[in-house]
Amino acid sequence: KIDRLNYPMTTLNKQSFEWALYIDIEGFSAKFEQGAKDSFIKLTNDLFTIGSHFYDYLSIEQFGGDGFLLKQVSICSPNFEKPIELATLLLKLILLRGGIGRVQISHGYMADTKGLYSDEIQNSIRMNGSDNLLNGKRNIMGIKPLIGTSIINAHKLKGPSGPLLLVDVELESNLIESRIPFTKLNFHNQNVLSVNWVKFDTERIQEIVDFIGLNSSIDYTQLVKNYIQNNSLTNEWIQGAVTLIQNN
């Protein structure tokens, strides 16, 4: 068990904290052959396009099958709107393609652990990269040397079921100072923030959606309603989705 990092609140200002974002496809295992696999492939393609043309200082790692962990690799930009905008963009792209996603954002630190491996592993990384440390041995061994509490906290962030964009409550001051619409939810006696990604929009979100070849002016609320009507979902999941679109 890895405990959450106890960051003093005074350090969680726009200049110092390090955010991490976890996104996955909702219902991926249950709907793998009924559209979820296609949603995942297109999300992968979209992340590559976004990283190639629109955003800088990102680390994008596949995690847990259908999930991706994104984090800043530099804290040179103090703008907390960046991870929210990025999360909103990705959720809207998934929705436009017929799927639906979920995002969790938290904070912490990140570290590159390459220097802690054995000399043999470090030599293999230098020779072969981290994709296959056992190159030439008729085996495959890949590693992801970036690890830390920021990605762990994002992945483990608790909150209600549904297609939500959740933010660690410790980052509330960053949201208050922005123009981002959010509400505070109580889940199992713990608070979490929920951003209304259906309502939130920026010119860059519209630009990227158009660049990818999708319609940025579509009614996202109706798309969420269509998803609810056309899929077998739990009552708890539907309640979370309805709360999102009712606040739109």
C-alpha atoms as a PDB file:
ATOM      1  CA  LYS A   1       0.000   0.000   0.000  1.00  0.00           C
ATOM      2  CA  ILE A   2       1.322   3.427  -0.936  1.00  0.00           C
ATOM      3  CA  ASP A   3      -0.068   6.250   1.188  1.00  0.00           C
ATOM      4  CA  ARG A   4      -1.152   9.537  -0.323  1.00  0.00           C
ATOM      5  CA  LEU A   5       1.494  12.218  -0.254  1.00  0.00           C
ATOM      6  CA  ASN A   6       0.955  14.655   2.617  1.00  0.00           C
ATOM      7  CA  TYR A   7       1.556  17.908   0.792  1.00  0.00           C
ATOM      8  CA  PRO A   8       1.171  21.003   2.978  1.00  0.00           C
ATOM      9  CA  MET A   9      -1.598  23.134   1.520  1.00  0.00           C
ATOM     10  CA  THR A  10       0.775  26.100   1.336  1.00  0.00           C
ATOM     11  CA  THR A  11       2.768  24.311  -1.369  1.00  0.00           C
ATOM     12  CA  LEU A  12      -0.256  23.656  -3.558  1.00  0.00           C
ATOM     13  CA  ASN A  13      -0.068  26.944  -5.397  1.00  0.00           C
ATOM     14  CA  LYS A  14      -0.112  27.445  -9.138  1.00  0.00           C
ATOM     15  CA  GLN A  15       3.664  27.656  -9.315  1.00  0.00           C
ATOM     16  CA  SER A  16       4.690  24.547  -7.388  1.00  0.00           C
ATOM     17  CA  PHE A  17       2.277  21.610  -7.521  1.00  0.00           C
ATOM     18  CA  GLU A  18       2.627  18.798 -10.026  1.00  0.00           C
ATOM     19  CA  TRP A  19      -0.569  17.449 -11.534  1.00  0.00           C
ATOM     20  CA  ALA A  20      -1.291  14.044 -13.016  1.00  0.00           C
ATOM     21  CA  LEU A  21      -4.326  12.955 -15.008  1.00  0.00           C
ATOM     22  CA  TYR A  22      -5.726   9.438 -15.359  1.00  0.00           C
ATOM     23  CA  ILE A  23      -8.231   8.744 -18.143  1.00  0.00           C
ATOM     24  CA  ASP A  24      -9.930   5.516 -19.122  1.00  0.00           C
ATOM     25  CA  ILE A  25     -12.770   4.263 -21.309  1.00  0.00           C
ATOM     26  CA  GLU A  26     -15.900   3.502 -19.292  1.00  0.00           C
ATOM     27  CA  GLY A  27     -17.192  -0.051 -19.747  1.00  0.00           C
ATOM     28  CA  PHE A  28     -14.059  -1.097 -21.606  1.00  0.00           C
ATOM     29  CA  SER A  29     -14.025  -4.771 -20.590  1.00  0.00           C
ATOM     30  CA  ALA A  30     -17.800  -5.246 -20.876  1.00  0.00           C
ATOM     31  CA  LYS A  31     -18.036  -3.555 -24.274  1.00  0.00           C
ATOM     32  CA  PHE A  32     -14.638  -4.480 -25.725  1.00  0.00           C
ATOM     33  CA  GLU A  33     -15.990  -5.850 -29.013  1.00  0.00           C
ATOM     34  CA  GLN A  34     -19.004  -3.504 -29.077  1.00  0.00           C
ATOM     35  CA  GLY A  35     -17.116  -0.275 -29.605  1.00  0.00           C
ATOM     36  CA  ALA A  36     -14.808   0.071 -26.589  1.00  0.00           C
ATOM     37  CA  LYS A  37     -11.795  -1.324 -28.448  1.00  0.00           C
ATOM     38  CA  ASP A  38     -12.376   1.159 -31.269  1.00  0.00           C
ATOM     39  CA  SER A  39     -12.742   3.998 -28.746  1.00  0.00           C
ATOM     40  CA  PHE A  40      -9.430   3.057 -27.162  1.00  0.00           C
ATOM     41  CA  ILE A  41      -7.595   2.901 -30.496  1.00  0.00           C
ATOM     42  CA  LYS A  42      -8.957   6.298 -31.499  1.00  0.00           C
ATOM     43  CA  LEU A  43      -8.090   7.775 -28.093  1.00  0.00           C
ATOM     44  CA  THR A  44      -4.528   6.529 -28.601  1.00  0.00           C
ATOM     45  CA  ASN A  45      -4.423   8.169 -32.034  1.00  0.00           C
ATOM     46  CA  ASP A  46      -5.879  11.401 -30.645  1.00  0.00           C
ATOM     47  CA  LEU A  47      -3.306  11.534 -27.843  1.00  0.00           C
ATOM     48  CA  PHE A  48      -0.539  11.163 -30.418  1.00  0.00           C
ATOM     49  CA  THR A  49      -2.025  14.001 -32.504  1.00  0.00           C
ATOM     50  CA  ILE A  50      -2.444  16.238 -29.460  1.00  0.00           C
ATOM     51  CA  GLY A  51       1.109  15.596 -28.289  1.00  0.00           C
ATOM     52  CA  SER A  52       2.476  16.145 -31.794  1.00  0.00           C
ATOM     53  CA  HIS A  53       0.751  19.436 -32.555  1.00  0.00           C
ATOM     54  CA  PHE A  54      -0.925  21.174 -29.616  1.00  0.00           C
ATOM     55  CA  TYR A  55       0.539  20.584 -26.153  1.00  0.00           C
ATOM     56  CA  ASP A  56       4.091  20.686 -24.801  1.00  0.00           C
ATOM     57  CA  TYR A  57       5.711  19.244 -21.664  1.00  0.00           C
ATOM     58  CA  LEU A  58       3.474  16.176 -21.442  1.00  0.00           C
ATOM     59  CA  SER A  59       4.299  12.631 -20.423  1.00  0.00           C
ATOM     60  CA  ILE A  60       1.729  10.183 -21.843  1.00  0.00           C
ATOM     61  CA  GLU A  61       1.860   6.566 -20.675  1.00  0.00           C
ATOM     62  CA  GLN A  62      -0.556   3.712 -21.335  1.00  0.00           C
ATOM     63  CA  PHE A  63      -1.663   2.254 -18.029  1.00  0.00           C
ATOM     64  CA  GLY A  64      -3.899  -0.655 -17.040  1.00  0.00           C
ATOM     65  CA  GLY A  65      -5.030  -1.738 -20.499  1.00  0.00           C
ATOM     66  CA  ASP A  66      -7.438   0.997 -21.600  1.00  0.00           C
ATOM     67  CA  GLY A  67      -6.141   3.769 -19.360  1.00  0.00           C
ATOM     68  CA  PHE A  68      -3.617   6.543 -19.892  1.00  0.00           C
ATOM     69  CA  LEU A  69      -1.683   8.540 -17.349  1.00  0.00           C
ATOM     70  CA  LEU A  70      -0.756  12.071 -18.372  1.00  0.00           C
ATOM     71  CA  LYS A  71       1.387  14.451 -16.397  1.00  0.00           C
ATOM     72  CA  GLN A  72       3.461  17.547 -16.835  1.00  0.00           C
ATOM     73  CA  VAL A  73       7.156  16.904 -17.349  1.00  0.00           C
ATOM     74  CA  SER A  74       7.942  20.515 -16.506  1.00  0.00           C
ATOM     75  CA  ILE A  75       6.331  22.872 -14.021  1.00  0.00           C
ATOM     76  CA  CYS A  76       7.244  25.936 -16.048  1.00  0.00           C
ATOM     77  CA  SER A  77       3.548  26.694 -16.690  1.00  0.00           C
ATOM     78  CA  PRO A  78       1.509  27.717 -13.630  1.00  0.00           C
ATOM     79  CA  ASN A  79      -1.839  27.541 -15.460  1.00  0.00           C
ATOM     80  CA  PHE A  80      -4.095  24.931 -13.818  1.00  0.00           C
ATOM     81  CA  GLU A  81      -6.579  25.305 -16.677  1.00  0.00           C
ATOM     82  CA  LYS A  82      -4.237  23.172 -18.819  1.00  0.00           C
ATOM     83  CA  PRO A  83      -5.017  19.754 -17.260  1.00  0.00           C
ATOM     84  CA  ILE A  84      -8.741  20.565 -17.060  1.00  0.00           C
ATOM     85  CA  GLU A  85      -8.796  21.694 -20.686  1.00  0.00           C
ATOM     86  CA  LEU A  86      -6.872  18.600 -21.733  1.00  0.00           C
ATOM     87  CA  ALA A  87      -9.175  16.285 -19.767  1.00  0.00           C
ATOM     88  CA  THR A  88     -12.270  17.977 -21.194  1.00  0.00           C
ATOM     89  CA  LEU A  89     -10.898  17.697 -24.717  1.00  0.00           C
ATOM     90  CA  LEU A  90     -10.212  13.971 -24.348  1.00  0.00           C
ATOM     91  CA  LEU A  91     -13.624  13.258 -22.814  1.00  0.00           C
ATOM     92  CA  LYS A  92     -15.357  15.131 -25.630  1.00  0.00           C
ATOM     93  CA  LEU A  93     -13.350  13.312 -28.295  1.00  0.00           C
ATOM     94  CA  ILE A  94     -14.301   9.937 -26.795  1.00  0.00           C
ATOM     95  CA  LEU A  95     -17.958  10.989 -26.640  1.00  0.00           C
ATOM     96  CA  LEU A  96     -17.962  12.232 -30.241  1.00  0.00           C
ATOM     97  CA  ARG A  97     -16.741   8.782 -31.327  1.00  0.00           C
ATOM     98  CA  GLY A  98     -19.576   6.969 -29.548  1.00  0.00           C
ATOM     99  CA  GLY A  99     -17.815   6.015 -26.315  1.00  0.00           C
ATOM    100  CA  ILE A 100     -17.592   7.652 -22.943  1.00  0.00           C
ATOM    101  CA  GLY A 101     -14.720   8.212 -20.536  1.00  0.00           C
ATOM    102  CA  ARG A 102     -13.756   9.175 -17.012  1.00  0.00           C
ATOM    103  CA  VAL A 103     -10.895  11.332 -15.721  1.00  0.00           C
ATOM    104  CA  GLN A 104      -9.294  11.680 -12.295  1.00  0.00           C
ATOM    105  CA  ILE A 105      -6.789  14.459 -11.538  1.00  0.00           C
ATOM    106  CA  SER A 106      -4.570  14.696  -8.481  1.00  0.00           C
ATOM    107  CA  HIS A 107      -1.119  15.913  -7.459  1.00  0.00           C
ATOM    108  CA  GLY A 108       2.119  14.722  -5.929  1.00  0.00           C
ATOM    109  CA  TYR A 109       5.628  14.184  -7.214  1.00  0.00           C
ATOM    110  CA  MET A 110       7.182  12.153 -10.018  1.00  0.00           C
ATOM    111  CA  ALA A 111      10.576  10.509 -10.234  1.00  0.00           C
ATOM    112  CA  ASP A 112      12.552   8.757 -12.937  1.00  0.00           C
ATOM    113  CA  THR A 113      13.747   5.474 -11.409  1.00  0.00           C
ATOM    114  CA  LYS A 114      16.145   4.458 -14.192  1.00  0.00           C
ATOM    115  CA  GLY A 115      19.162   5.316 -12.045  1.00  0.00           C
ATOM    116  CA  LEU A 116      18.019   2.917  -9.308  1.00  0.00           C
ATOM    117  CA  TYR A 117      18.043  -0.213 -11.460  1.00  0.00           C
ATOM    118  CA  SER A 118      20.954  -2.634 -11.606  1.00  0.00           C
ATOM    119  CA  ASP A 119      23.900  -1.789 -13.853  1.00  0.00           C
ATOM    120  CA  GLU A 120      22.829  -4.566 -16.219  1.00  0.00           C
ATOM    121  CA  ILE A 121      19.332  -3.134 -16.620  1.00  0.00           C
ATOM    122  CA  GLN A 122      20.670   0.405 -17.051  1.00  0.00           C
ATOM    123  CA  ASN A 123      23.019  -0.819 -19.786  1.00  0.00           C
ATOM    124  CA  SER A 124      20.115  -2.553 -21.511  1.00  0.00           C
ATOM    125  CA  ILE A 125      18.024   0.638 -21.342  1.00  0.00           C
ATOM    126  CA  ARG A 126      20.859   2.570 -22.993  1.00  0.00           C
ATOM    127  CA  MET A 127      21.263  -0.061 -25.701  1.00  0.00           C
ATOM    128  CA  ASN A 128      17.658  -1.077 -26.357  1.00  0.00           C
ATOM    129  CA  GLY A 129      15.461   1.577 -24.775  1.00  0.00           C
ATOM    130  CA  SER A 130      12.831   0.653 -22.200  1.00  0.00           C
ATOM    131  CA  ASP A 131      10.533  -1.162 -24.657  1.00  0.00           C
ATOM    132  CA  ASN A 132      12.474  -4.420 -24.610  1.00  0.00           C
ATOM    133  CA  LEU A 133      15.245  -4.934 -22.075  1.00  0.00           C
ATOM    134  CA  LEU A 134      15.658  -8.541 -23.200  1.00  0.00           C
ATOM    135  CA  ASN A 135      16.347  -7.785 -26.853  1.00  0.00           C
ATOM    136  CA  GLY A 136      18.130 -10.744 -28.437  1.00  0.00           C
ATOM    137  CA  LYS A 137      17.017 -13.177 -25.723  1.00  0.00           C
ATOM    138  CA  ARG A 138      13.785 -14.234 -27.463  1.00  0.00           C
ATOM    139  CA  ASN A 139      11.885 -12.595 -24.606  1.00  0.00           C
ATOM    140  CA  ILE A 140      10.256  -9.235 -24.089  1.00  0.00           C
ATOM    141  CA  MET A 141      10.526  -7.110 -20.960  1.00  0.00           C
ATOM    142  CA  GLY A 142       9.347  -3.517 -20.928  1.00  0.00           C
ATOM    143  CA  ILE A 143       9.472  -1.041 -18.055  1.00  0.00           C
ATOM    144  CA  LYS A 144       8.022   2.378 -17.309  1.00  0.00           C
ATOM    145  CA  PRO A 145      10.653   4.132 -15.194  1.00  0.00           C
ATOM    146  CA  LEU A 146       8.463   7.126 -14.300  1.00  0.00           C
ATOM    147  CA  ILE A 147       6.663   6.517 -11.028  1.00  0.00           C
ATOM    148  CA  GLY A 148       5.486   8.621  -8.113  1.00  0.00           C
ATOM    149  CA  THR A 149       2.613   9.704  -5.937  1.00  0.00           C
ATOM    150  CA  SER A 150       1.098  12.078  -8.512  1.00  0.00           C
ATOM    151  CA  ILE A 151       0.089   9.235 -10.844  1.00  0.00           C
ATOM    152  CA  ILE A 152      -0.823   6.937  -7.944  1.00  0.00           C
ATOM    153  CA  ASN A 153      -3.042   9.586  -6.372  1.00  0.00           C
ATOM    154  CA  ALA A 154      -4.737  10.291  -9.712  1.00  0.00           C
ATOM    155  CA  HIS A 155      -5.385   6.611 -10.434  1.00  0.00           C
ATOM    156  CA  LYS A 156      -6.711   5.912  -6.929  1.00  0.00           C
ATOM    157  CA  LEU A 157      -8.833   9.053  -6.516  1.00  0.00           C
ATOM    158  CA  LYS A 158     -12.239   7.992  -5.179  1.00  0.00           C
ATOM    159  CA  GLY A 159     -15.535   9.398  -6.342  1.00  0.00           C
ATOM    160  CA  PRO A 160     -19.052   8.556  -7.502  1.00  0.00           C
ATOM    161  CA  SER A 161     -19.620   6.275 -10.475  1.00  0.00           C
ATOM    162  CA  GLY A 162     -20.248   7.808 -13.876  1.00  0.00           C
ATOM    163  CA  PRO A 163     -18.568   9.670 -16.761  1.00  0.00           C
ATOM    164  CA  LEU A 164     -17.080  12.285 -14.469  1.00  0.00           C
ATOM    165  CA  LEU A 165     -14.053  14.561 -14.433  1.00  0.00           C
ATOM    166  CA  LEU A 166     -12.930  14.348 -10.811  1.00  0.00           C
ATOM    167  CA  VAL A 167     -10.308  16.554  -9.172  1.00  0.00           C
ATOM    168  CA  ASP A 168      -8.610  16.058  -5.827  1.00  0.00           C
ATOM    169  CA  VAL A 169     -10.250  18.355  -3.248  1.00  0.00           C
ATOM    170  CA  GLU A 170      -6.786  19.587  -2.239  1.00  0.00           C
ATOM    171  CA  LEU A 171      -6.664  21.415  -5.575  1.00  0.00           C
ATOM    172  CA  GLU A 172      -9.890  23.346  -4.919  1.00  0.00           C
ATOM    173  CA  SER A 173      -8.155  26.721  -4.612  1.00  0.00           C
ATOM    174  CA  ASN A 174      -6.735  26.285  -8.112  1.00  0.00           C
ATOM    175  CA  LEU A 175     -10.244  25.731  -9.495  1.00  0.00           C
ATOM    176  CA  ILE A 176     -11.736  28.633  -7.555  1.00  0.00           C
ATOM    177  CA  GLU A 177      -9.199  30.982  -9.164  1.00  0.00           C
ATOM    178  CA  SER A 178     -10.149  29.744 -12.638  1.00  0.00           C
ATOM    179  CA  ARG A 179     -13.298  30.057 -14.747  1.00  0.00           C
ATOM    180  CA  ILE A 180     -13.880  26.309 -14.663  1.00  0.00           C
ATOM    181  CA  PRO A 181     -17.372  25.144 -13.552  1.00  0.00           C
ATOM    182  CA  PHE A 182     -17.219  22.588 -10.739  1.00  0.00           C
ATOM    183  CA  THR A 183     -19.148  21.268  -7.764  1.00  0.00           C
ATOM    184  CA  LYS A 184     -18.029  19.608  -4.531  1.00  0.00           C
ATOM    185  CA  LEU A 185     -19.352  16.095  -3.984  1.00  0.00           C
ATOM    186  CA  ASN A 186     -19.305  13.969  -0.836  1.00  0.00           C
ATOM    187  CA  PHE A 187     -18.461  10.350  -1.524  1.00  0.00           C
ATOM    188  CA  HIS A 188     -18.240   7.918   1.379  1.00  0.00           C
ATOM    189  CA  ASN A 189     -17.638  10.841   3.786  1.00  0.00           C
ATOM    190  CA  GLN A 190     -14.829  12.227   1.639  1.00  0.00           C
ATOM    191  CA  ASN A 191     -15.037  15.303  -0.575  1.00  0.00           C
ATOM    192  CA  VAL A 192     -14.098  15.310  -4.233  1.00  0.00           C
ATOM    193  CA  LEU A 193     -14.500  17.965  -6.924  1.00  0.00           C
ATOM    194  CA  SER A 194     -16.444  17.311 -10.117  1.00  0.00           C
ATOM    195  CA  VAL A 195     -15.813  19.523 -13.154  1.00  0.00           C
ATOM    196  CA  ASN A 196     -18.654  19.960 -15.630  1.00  0.00           C
ATOM    197  CA  TRP A 197     -16.705  18.934 -18.739  1.00  0.00           C
ATOM    198  CA  VAL A 198     -19.879  18.944 -20.849  1.00  0.00           C
ATOM    199  CA  LYS A 199     -20.320  22.656 -20.173  1.00  0.00           C
ATOM    200  CA  PHE A 200     -16.678  23.761 -20.080  1.00  0.00           C
ATOM    201  CA  ASP A 201     -15.168  24.809 -23.408  1.00  0.00           C
ATOM    202  CA  THR A 202     -12.263  26.785 -24.815  1.00  0.00           C
ATOM    203  CA  GLU A 203     -11.208  27.971 -28.247  1.00  0.00           C
ATOM    204  CA  ARG A 204      -8.358  25.464 -28.214  1.00  0.00           C
ATOM    205  CA  ILE A 205     -10.731  22.559 -27.496  1.00  0.00           C
ATOM    206  CA  GLN A 206     -12.832  23.605 -30.489  1.00  0.00           C
ATOM    207  CA  GLU A 207      -9.718  24.064 -32.633  1.00  0.00           C
ATOM    208  CA  ILE A 208      -8.360  20.600 -31.855  1.00  0.00           C
ATOM    209  CA  VAL A 209     -11.711  18.851 -32.320  1.00  0.00           C
ATOM    210  CA  ASP A 210     -12.034  20.511 -35.736  1.00  0.00           C
ATOM    211  CA  PHE A 211      -8.414  19.664 -36.605  1.00  0.00           C
ATOM    212  CA  ILE A 212      -9.068  15.995 -35.872  1.00  0.00           C
ATOM    213  CA  GLY A 213     -12.076  16.148 -38.186  1.00  0.00           C
ATOM    214  CA  LEU A 214     -14.978  16.025 -35.744  1.00  0.00           C
ATOM    215  CA  ASN A 215     -17.776  18.515 -35.102  1.00  0.00           C
ATOM    216  CA  SER A 216     -16.926  20.890 -32.245  1.00  0.00           C
ATOM    217  CA  SER A 217     -20.365  22.557 -32.266  1.00  0.00           C
ATOM    218  CA  ILE A 218     -22.357  19.408 -31.492  1.00  0.00           C
ATOM    219  CA  ASP A 219     -24.692  19.118 -28.463  1.00  0.00           C
ATOM    220  CA  TYR A 220     -22.600  17.100 -25.994  1.00  0.00           C
ATOM    221  CA  THR A 221     -25.471  16.934 -23.502  1.00  0.00           C
ATOM    222  CA  GLN A 222     -27.586  15.099 -26.058  1.00  0.00           C
ATOM    223  CA  LEU A 223     -24.736  12.690 -26.774  1.00  0.00           C
ATOM    224  CA  VAL A 224     -24.563  11.781 -23.078  1.00  0.00           C
ATOM    225  CA  LYS A 225     -28.343  11.261 -23.055  1.00  0.00           C
ATOM    226  CA  ASN A 226     -28.045   9.043 -26.125  1.00  0.00           C
ATOM    227  CA  TYR A 227     -25.355   6.968 -24.417  1.00  0.00           C
ATOM    228  CA  ILE A 228     -27.567   6.465 -21.358  1.00  0.00           C
ATOM    229  CA  GLN A 229     -30.507   5.388 -23.526  1.00  0.00           C
ATOM    230  CA  ASN A 230     -28.507   2.996 -25.699  1.00  0.00           C
ATOM    231  CA  ASN A 231     -26.468   1.154 -23.067  1.00  0.00           C
ATOM    232  CA  SER A 232     -27.105  -1.144 -20.122  1.00  0.00           C
ATOM    233  CA  LEU A 233     -25.833   0.819 -17.123  1.00  0.00           C
ATOM    234  CA  THR A 234     -26.066   0.655 -13.342  1.00  0.00           C
ATOM    235  CA  ASN A 235     -28.376   3.037 -11.517  1.00  0.00           C
ATOM    236  CA  GLU A 236     -25.382   4.573  -9.735  1.00  0.00           C
ATOM    237  CA  TRP A 237     -23.621   5.234 -13.050  1.00  0.00           C
ATOM    238  CA  ILE A 238     -26.758   6.790 -14.546  1.00  0.00           C
ATOM    239  CA  GLN A 239     -27.188   8.990 -11.476  1.00  0.00           C
ATOM    240  CA  GLY A 240     -23.644  10.314 -11.900  1.00  0.00           C
ATOM    241  CA  ALA A 241     -24.224  10.992 -15.605  1.00  0.00           C
ATOM    242  CA  VAL A 242     -27.581  12.691 -14.975  1.00  0.00           C
ATOM    243  CA  THR A 243     -26.046  14.909 -12.315  1.00  0.00           C
ATOM    244  CA  LEU A 244     -23.456  15.996 -14.868  1.00  0.00           C
ATOM    245  CA  ILE A 245     -25.916  16.923 -17.613  1.00  0.00           C
ATOM    246  CA  GLN A 246     -28.507  18.436 -15.248  1.00  0.00           C
ATOM    247  CA  ASN A 247     -25.885  20.950 -14.142  1.00  0.00           C
ATOM    248  CA  ASN A 248     -25.138  21.830 -17.763  1.00  0.00           C
END
